Amino acid sequence: MKTSRRTFLITSVGVASTFALGSKAAFAADAAKVAESDPTAQALGYKEDASKVDKAKFAKYAAGQDCGNCQFYQGKPTDAYAPCPMFSNKQVASKGWCSAYVKKA
């Protein structure tokens, strides 16, 4: 089977655009932020703002604890949002908190 240059180029452009769109979709999925209404977030008491944690319900919470200084936070403490394995690597707020909090060593 003989392939013409035109067929090769058309196929190449189609494949390249598929990869480009696929990587863009993957990036968008990576950027998903955890909603406080998410079932996992509710189970772990996640709040985007640690100062709004229900201290009666989550007695473990202490002032100064937030996602940015938790060992599970996969970003820099200065990042506004970063992935967290507790939420399937969805983005959590650096100033947030959940009951899975463990202080970074």
Protein backbone atom coordinates (compact mmCIF):
# COMPACT_ATOMS: atom_id res chain seq x y z
CA MET A 1 0.00 0.00 0.00
CA LYS A 2 1.42 3.33 -1.06
CA THR A 3 0.75 6.35 1.18
CA SER A 4 0.74 9.79 -0.33
CA ARG A 5 2.22 12.79 1.40
CA ARG A 6 -1.26 14.34 1.56
CA THR A 7 -2.72 11.29 3.35
CA PHE A 8 0.20 11.27 5.78
CA LEU A 9 -0.23 14.97 6.61
CA ILE A 10 -4.00 14.72 7.07
CA THR A 11 -3.59 11.71 9.36
CA SER A 12 -0.79 13.41 11.31
CA VAL A 13 -2.84 16.56 11.89
CA GLY A 14 -5.79 14.47 13.08
CA VAL A 15 -3.64 12.50 15.50
CA ALA A 16 -1.88 15.62 16.78
CA SER A 17 -5.17 17.42 17.40
CA THR A 18 -6.52 14.37 19.25
CA PHE A 19 -3.50 14.40 21.55
CA ALA A 20 -3.76 18.15 22.06
CA LEU A 21 -7.44 17.97 22.96
CA GLY A 22 -6.87 14.92 25.14
CA SER A 23 -4.11 16.62 27.15
CA LYS A 24 -6.24 19.74 27.51
CA ALA A 25 -9.10 17.65 28.90
CA ALA A 26 -6.72 15.88 31.28
CA PHE A 27 -5.42 19.24 32.51
CA ALA A 28 -8.97 20.48 33.09
CA ALA A 29 -9.75 17.32 35.06
CA ASP A 30 -6.63 17.85 37.16
CA ALA A 31 -7.76 21.39 37.93
CA ALA A 32 -11.10 20.29 39.47
CA LYS A 33 -11.58 21.79 42.93
CA VAL A 34 -13.22 19.96 45.81
CA ALA A 35 -16.66 21.33 46.62
CA GLU A 36 -17.71 21.39 50.25
CA SER A 37 -20.88 19.58 49.10
CA ASP A 38 -18.82 16.64 47.75
CA PRO A 39 -19.66 13.45 49.74
CA THR A 40 -15.99 12.85 50.65
CA ALA A 41 -15.60 16.49 51.67
CA GLN A 42 -18.66 16.23 53.90
CA ALA A 43 -17.42 13.00 55.46
CA LEU A 44 -14.03 14.58 56.24
CA GLY A 45 -15.47 17.95 57.30
CA TYR A 46 -13.60 19.80 54.53
CA LYS A 47 -13.91 23.58 54.55
CA GLU A 48 -12.23 25.91 52.05
CA ASP A 49 -11.67 28.31 54.94
CA ALA A 50 -10.26 26.59 58.03
CA SER A 51 -11.65 29.32 60.27
CA LYS A 52 -15.16 28.04 59.43
CA VAL A 53 -14.58 24.50 60.75
CA ASP A 54 -17.29 23.30 63.13
CA LYS A 55 -15.12 23.02 66.25
CA ALA A 56 -17.87 21.22 68.17
CA LYS A 57 -18.07 18.49 65.53
CA PHE A 58 -14.31 18.34 64.82
CA ALA A 59 -12.60 18.74 68.20
CA LYS A 60 -9.30 17.67 66.57
CA TYR A 61 -9.14 21.03 64.75
CA ALA A 62 -6.74 23.61 66.17
CA ALA A 63 -6.07 27.14 64.98
CA GLY A 64 -3.15 27.27 62.57
CA GLN A 65 -3.97 23.95 60.95
CA ASP A 66 -4.70 24.26 57.25
CA CYS A 67 -4.17 22.27 54.07
CA GLY A 68 -1.09 24.32 53.16
CA ASN A 69 0.84 22.85 56.11
CA CYS A 70 -0.63 19.32 55.90
CA GLN A 71 1.56 16.43 54.75
CA PHE A 72 -1.05 15.42 52.16
CA TYR A 73 -1.06 18.82 50.39
CA GLN A 74 0.82 18.29 47.13
CA GLY A 75 1.70 21.88 46.40
CA LYS A 76 3.75 24.64 47.94
CA PRO A 77 2.22 26.30 51.02
CA THR A 78 2.00 29.50 48.96
CA ASP A 79 -0.14 27.84 46.24
CA ALA A 80 -3.79 28.87 46.54
CA TYR A 81 -4.92 25.36 45.52
CA ALA A 82 -3.13 22.03 45.07
CA PRO A 83 -4.01 18.35 44.70
CA CYS A 84 -4.78 16.20 47.74
CA PRO A 85 -4.84 12.38 47.69
CA MET A 86 -7.67 12.37 50.25
CA PHE A 87 -9.92 13.77 47.51
CA SER A 88 -8.69 11.71 44.53
CA ASN A 89 -6.14 14.44 43.76
CA LYS A 90 -8.77 17.13 43.28
CA GLN A 91 -7.62 20.62 44.22
CA VAL A 92 -8.05 21.76 47.83
CA ALA A 93 -7.60 25.28 49.17
CA SER A 94 -4.31 26.02 50.93
CA LYS A 95 -6.36 27.79 53.63
CA GLY A 96 -8.78 24.85 53.88
CA TRP A 97 -8.96 22.02 56.41
CA CYS A 98 -10.33 18.48 56.78
CA SER A 99 -10.25 15.85 59.50
CA ALA A 100 -7.47 13.93 57.68
CA TYR A 101 -5.08 16.78 58.53
CA VAL A 102 -1.56 15.69 59.55
CA LYS A 103 1.06 18.34 60.19
CA LYS A 104 4.04 18.28 57.82
CA ALA A 105 7.21 16.97 59.44
